[in-house]
Protein backbone atom coordinates (compact mmCIF):
# COMPACT_ATOMS: atom_id res chain seq x y z
CA MET A 1 104.97 145.17 79.01
CA GLU A 2 108.43 143.65 78.76
CA LYS A 3 108.54 140.39 76.81
CA ASN A 4 110.24 138.44 79.62
CA ASP A 5 107.72 139.72 82.16
CA ARG A 6 104.90 138.60 79.92
CA PHE A 7 106.27 135.06 79.55
CA GLU A 8 106.79 134.84 83.32
CA LEU A 9 103.18 135.83 83.98
CA ILE A 10 101.89 133.35 81.42
CA GLU A 11 103.70 130.57 83.28
CA ILE A 12 102.16 131.66 86.58
CA TYR A 13 98.61 132.64 85.59
CA GLY A 14 97.99 131.13 82.16
CA GLU A 15 97.84 132.92 78.83
CA PRO A 16 94.09 133.81 78.79
CA ALA A 17 94.29 135.56 82.17
CA VAL A 18 97.38 137.51 81.14
CA GLU A 19 95.73 138.57 77.88
CA VAL A 20 92.71 139.95 79.74
CA VAL A 21 94.85 141.79 82.30
CA SER A 22 97.05 143.20 79.53
CA GLU A 23 94.09 144.52 77.56
CA LEU A 24 92.37 146.02 80.60
CA PHE A 25 95.27 147.53 82.51
CA LEU A 26 98.61 147.40 80.79
CA GLU A 27 98.38 148.22 77.12
CA GLY A 28 95.48 150.65 77.21
CA ALA A 29 94.94 154.00 78.87
CA ALA A 30 95.02 152.44 82.34
CA GLY A 31 98.58 151.28 81.73
CA ALA A 32 99.72 154.84 82.24
CA ILE A 33 97.67 155.16 85.42
CA ILE A 34 98.86 151.87 86.97
CA PRO A 35 102.49 151.46 85.92
CA GLY A 36 104.13 148.25 87.08
CA PHE A 37 100.77 146.56 87.66
CA THR A 38 102.08 143.28 86.25
CA ALA A 39 105.04 143.21 88.61
CA VAL A 40 102.78 144.01 91.57
CA ILE A 41 100.53 141.02 90.85
CA SER A 42 103.50 138.69 90.43
CA ASN A 43 105.17 139.99 93.59
CA ILE A 44 102.02 139.55 95.71
CA LYS A 45 101.55 135.95 94.56
CA GLN A 46 105.21 135.13 95.16
CA LYS A 47 105.20 136.64 98.66
CA ARG A 48 102.02 134.78 99.56
CA TYR A 49 103.53 131.53 98.32
CA GLU A 50 106.73 132.01 100.35
CA ARG A 51 104.82 133.07 103.46
CA ASN A 52 102.47 130.10 103.31
CA ILE A 53 105.20 127.55 102.59
CA ASN A 54 107.26 128.88 105.51
CA ARG A 55 104.23 128.60 107.79
CA LEU A 56 103.56 125.09 106.46
CA LEU A 57 107.12 124.00 107.29
CA SER A 58 106.88 125.61 110.71
CA GLU A 59 103.67 123.74 111.51
CA PHE A 60 105.20 120.52 110.18
CA GLN A 61 108.04 120.89 112.69
CA VAL A 62 105.53 120.98 115.54
CA GLN A 63 103.82 117.76 114.45
CA LEU A 64 106.79 116.04 112.81
CA ASN A 65 107.19 113.14 115.27
CA ASP A 66 103.51 112.29 115.29
CA MET A 67 103.30 112.44 111.50
CA LYS A 68 106.39 110.27 111.07
CA LEU A 69 104.94 107.60 113.35
CA LYS A 70 101.69 107.62 111.37
CA PHE A 71 103.51 107.50 108.03
CA ASP A 72 105.72 104.58 109.11
CA ASP A 73 102.60 102.65 110.11
CA ILE A 74 100.74 102.78 106.77
CA SER A 75 101.04 100.43 103.79
CA GLU A 76 103.55 100.97 101.01
CA GLU A 77 100.68 101.49 98.59
CA ARG A 78 99.32 104.30 100.74
CA LYS A 79 102.79 105.85 101.06
CA ILE A 80 103.15 105.93 97.28
CA ALA A 81 99.69 107.43 96.83
CA PHE A 82 100.38 110.03 99.49
CA SER A 83 103.70 111.06 97.95
CA SER A 84 102.64 111.01 94.30
CA GLU A 85 99.00 112.12 94.39
CA PHE A 86 98.32 114.06 97.57
CA SER A 87 101.53 116.08 97.89
CA ASP A 88 101.05 118.17 94.72
CA MET A 89 97.43 118.84 95.55
CA ILE A 90 98.27 119.97 99.08
CA VAL A 91 101.03 122.32 97.89
CA ASP A 92 98.54 123.88 95.45
CA TYR A 93 96.07 124.56 98.25
CA VAL A 94 98.77 125.96 100.52
CA SER A 95 100.22 128.25 97.85
CA GLU A 96 96.79 129.67 96.97
CA GLU A 97 95.54 130.13 100.55
CA ARG A 98 95.00 133.81 101.30
CA ASP A 99 94.62 133.42 105.06
CA GLU A 100 97.88 132.28 106.63
CA GLU A 101 96.03 131.48 109.89
CA LYS A 102 94.31 128.57 108.13
CA ILE A 103 97.61 126.79 107.39
CA PRO A 104 97.51 124.92 110.76
CA TYR A 105 94.15 123.43 109.71
CA ILE A 106 95.72 122.23 106.47
CA VAL A 107 98.56 120.58 108.40
CA ASN A 108 96.02 118.91 110.70
CA GLY A 109 94.26 117.60 107.61
CA ILE A 110 97.53 116.27 106.18
CA ARG A 111 98.34 114.47 109.42
CA ASN A 112 94.86 112.97 109.73
CA LEU A 113 94.88 112.02 106.05
CA ILE A 114 97.97 109.82 106.39
CA ASN A 115 96.11 106.88 107.88
CA ASP A 116 92.72 107.75 106.39
CA THR A 117 91.15 105.94 103.43
CA LYS A 118 90.04 108.99 101.44
CA ASP A 119 91.11 109.19 97.81
CA VAL A 120 92.22 112.38 96.06
CA ASP A 121 88.73 113.42 94.95
CA ASN A 122 87.21 113.00 98.42
CA THR A 123 90.15 114.78 100.00
CA ALA A 124 89.84 117.66 97.55
CA LEU A 125 86.22 118.10 98.64
CA TYR A 126 87.30 118.81 102.22
CA PHE A 127 90.09 121.16 101.15
CA ASP A 128 87.76 122.95 98.72
CA VAL A 129 85.34 123.67 101.55
CA LEU A 130 88.17 124.82 103.82
CA LYS A 131 89.43 127.10 101.06
CA SER A 132 86.00 128.72 100.75
CA LEU A 133 85.86 129.59 104.46
CA ARG A 134 87.30 132.55 106.32
CA LYS A 135 88.78 132.23 109.80
CA ILE A 136 85.65 133.82 111.30
CA ASP A 137 83.50 131.22 109.50
CA ILE A 138 85.49 128.45 111.16
CA LEU A 139 85.15 130.12 114.57
CA VAL A 140 81.37 130.18 114.14
CA LEU A 141 81.39 126.54 113.02
CA LYS A 142 83.41 125.62 116.13
CA GLN A 143 80.71 127.15 118.32
CA PHE A 144 78.17 124.76 116.80
CA ASP A 145 80.54 121.94 117.63
CA TYR A 146 81.05 123.00 121.24
CA ASN A 147 77.50 124.04 122.09
CA SER A 148 74.04 122.52 121.81
CA PRO A 149 71.13 124.14 119.95
CA GLU A 150 69.65 125.02 123.34
CA TYR A 151 72.76 127.07 124.11
CA PHE A 152 72.11 129.36 121.15
CA GLU A 153 68.48 129.82 122.13
CA ASN A 154 69.43 130.89 125.64
CA ASN A 155 72.79 132.62 125.05
CA PHE A 156 72.58 133.97 121.53
CA GLN A 157 73.71 137.51 122.31
CA LYS A 158 76.58 136.19 124.41
CA PHE A 159 77.62 134.06 121.45
CA LEU A 160 77.63 137.11 119.16
CA ASP A 161 79.60 139.17 121.69
CA GLU A 162 82.26 136.46 122.09
CA LEU A 163 82.97 136.59 118.36
CA SER A 164 82.45 140.37 118.03
CA LEU A 165 79.74 139.78 115.44
CA GLU A 166 76.69 141.81 114.51
CA TYR A 167 73.52 139.84 113.90
CA ASP A 168 73.57 140.46 110.13
CA GLU A 169 77.19 139.27 109.97
CA TYR A 170 76.27 136.10 111.86
CA ARG A 171 73.31 135.49 109.57
CA PHE A 172 75.54 135.81 106.50
CA ILE A 173 78.08 133.33 107.95
CA LYS A 174 75.34 130.93 109.06
CA ASP A 175 73.83 130.90 105.56
CA LYS A 176 77.29 130.33 104.09
CA LEU A 177 77.88 127.33 106.37
CA LEU A 178 74.44 125.97 105.50
CA ARG A 179 75.17 126.28 101.77
CA SER A 180 78.51 124.54 102.31
CA GLY A 181 76.67 121.57 103.81
CA LEU A 182 78.38 121.88 107.20
CA LEU A 183 75.25 122.86 109.14
CA ILE A 184 71.64 121.79 108.94
CA SER A 185 68.56 123.83 109.75
CA SER A 186 65.44 122.53 111.46
CA TYR A 187 63.55 124.28 108.67
CA ASP A 188 64.85 121.61 106.27
CA LYS A 189 63.15 118.93 108.34
CA ASP A 190 60.08 121.14 108.74
CA GLN A 191 59.74 121.46 104.97
CA LYS A 192 59.69 117.69 104.69
CA GLU A 193 57.13 117.52 107.51
CA ILE A 194 54.93 120.10 105.77
CA TYR A 195 55.14 118.18 102.49
CA GLU A 196 54.18 114.89 104.17
CA THR A 197 51.35 116.62 106.03
CA LEU A 198 49.98 118.05 102.80
CA LEU A 199 50.09 114.61 101.19
CA GLU A 200 48.23 113.20 104.19
CA LEU A 201 45.67 116.03 103.96
CA SER A 202 45.16 115.41 100.24
CA LYS A 203 44.64 111.70 100.92
CA PHE A 204 42.17 112.47 103.70
CA LEU A 205 40.14 114.90 101.54
CA ASN A 206 39.96 112.38 98.69
CA GLU A 207 38.69 109.71 101.09
CA LEU A 208 36.25 112.21 102.59
CA GLU A 209 34.86 113.03 99.15
CA LYS A 210 34.33 109.35 98.47
CA GLY A 211 32.73 108.82 101.87
CA LYS A 212 35.52 106.53 102.94
CA ALA A 213 37.26 108.85 105.40
CA LYS A 214 38.15 107.43 108.76
CA LYS A 215 39.50 109.30 111.77
CA VAL A 216 41.95 112.16 111.26
CA SER A 217 45.56 110.93 111.44
CA ASN A 218 47.96 112.11 114.12
CA LYS A 219 50.09 113.80 111.44
CA LEU A 220 47.16 116.11 110.65
CA LYS A 221 46.27 116.62 114.30
CA ASN A 222 49.78 117.36 115.53
CA PRO A 223 52.24 118.30 112.78
CA LYS A 224 55.73 118.49 114.29
CA ILE A 225 56.75 121.92 113.05
CA ARG A 226 58.83 124.27 115.17
CA LYS A 227 58.22 127.99 115.22
CA ASP A 228 61.90 128.89 115.74
CA GLU A 229 64.81 127.73 113.61
CA ARG A 230 67.41 125.46 115.19
CA ILE A 231 70.84 125.12 113.60
CA GLN A 232 73.24 122.26 114.28
CA LEU A 233 76.12 120.34 112.76
CA CYS A 234 75.15 117.86 110.07
CA GLN A 235 77.00 114.62 109.33
CA PHE A 236 79.32 116.25 106.80
CA GLY A 237 80.02 119.07 109.24
CA ARG A 238 81.05 116.50 111.83
CA SER A 239 83.31 114.75 109.32
CA PHE A 240 84.81 118.09 108.28
CA ILE A 241 85.71 118.94 111.88
CA ASP A 242 87.14 115.46 112.47
CA PHE A 243 89.25 115.75 109.30
CA PHE A 244 90.85 119.03 110.36
CA ALA A 245 90.94 118.23 114.09
CA GLU A 246 94.19 119.10 115.83
CA ASP A 247 94.13 116.05 118.12
CA SER A 248 92.07 113.06 119.24
CA SER A 249 89.63 115.38 121.05
CA ASN A 250 88.29 116.27 117.57
CA LYS A 251 88.48 120.01 118.16
CA ILE A 252 89.59 122.22 115.29
């Protein structure tokens, strides 16, 4: 590896990462099999950065007037925070984003952030979640925003066909959105109901053993547990959609 190339990579990726890549691919036997591997990595990252920044500027042009009005209307303290704290963070997310089609969501978030009260840490939470999602994940999430749980029970196959998804693919995405805290399952509530029912049963059996048992409680007679799972947006999912909404209709 050329010395200048090595220093350039260290600046971009950090020395530990470059050392590992060098040992694995460049200075061992694989170096002969994958010549120019270092330049390929650097070139890919640079092209992605340029592509994303160009898309960012393009999307800014579309919303420029609206964003300027919002920015002029906020306090000087917020303007300073936005320029000094948020700008670097946002550029980092944009430059690292692998899916160019998600850049419009980032711009929506920037616009909505201008007159929001979120600090850097809270804002980073929303951008971290967005970064972890693919475009298809967001399309599935949007369906939970547009449609009620009853819709999925009655039109589930239609929902899959509209997104060209197989059931296993949908299940994977659904579980991912649940883990991200954007959706909530009725099974979560059912688990709580089961736990409370078991506590009530234990209490009843103890009272029965002592001869103090009264009538069976309604919780034991009619536990409210559904057979089928129902998935819907949770509070954080609603906030996430609002944060990246493209307009006042709160649709992402």
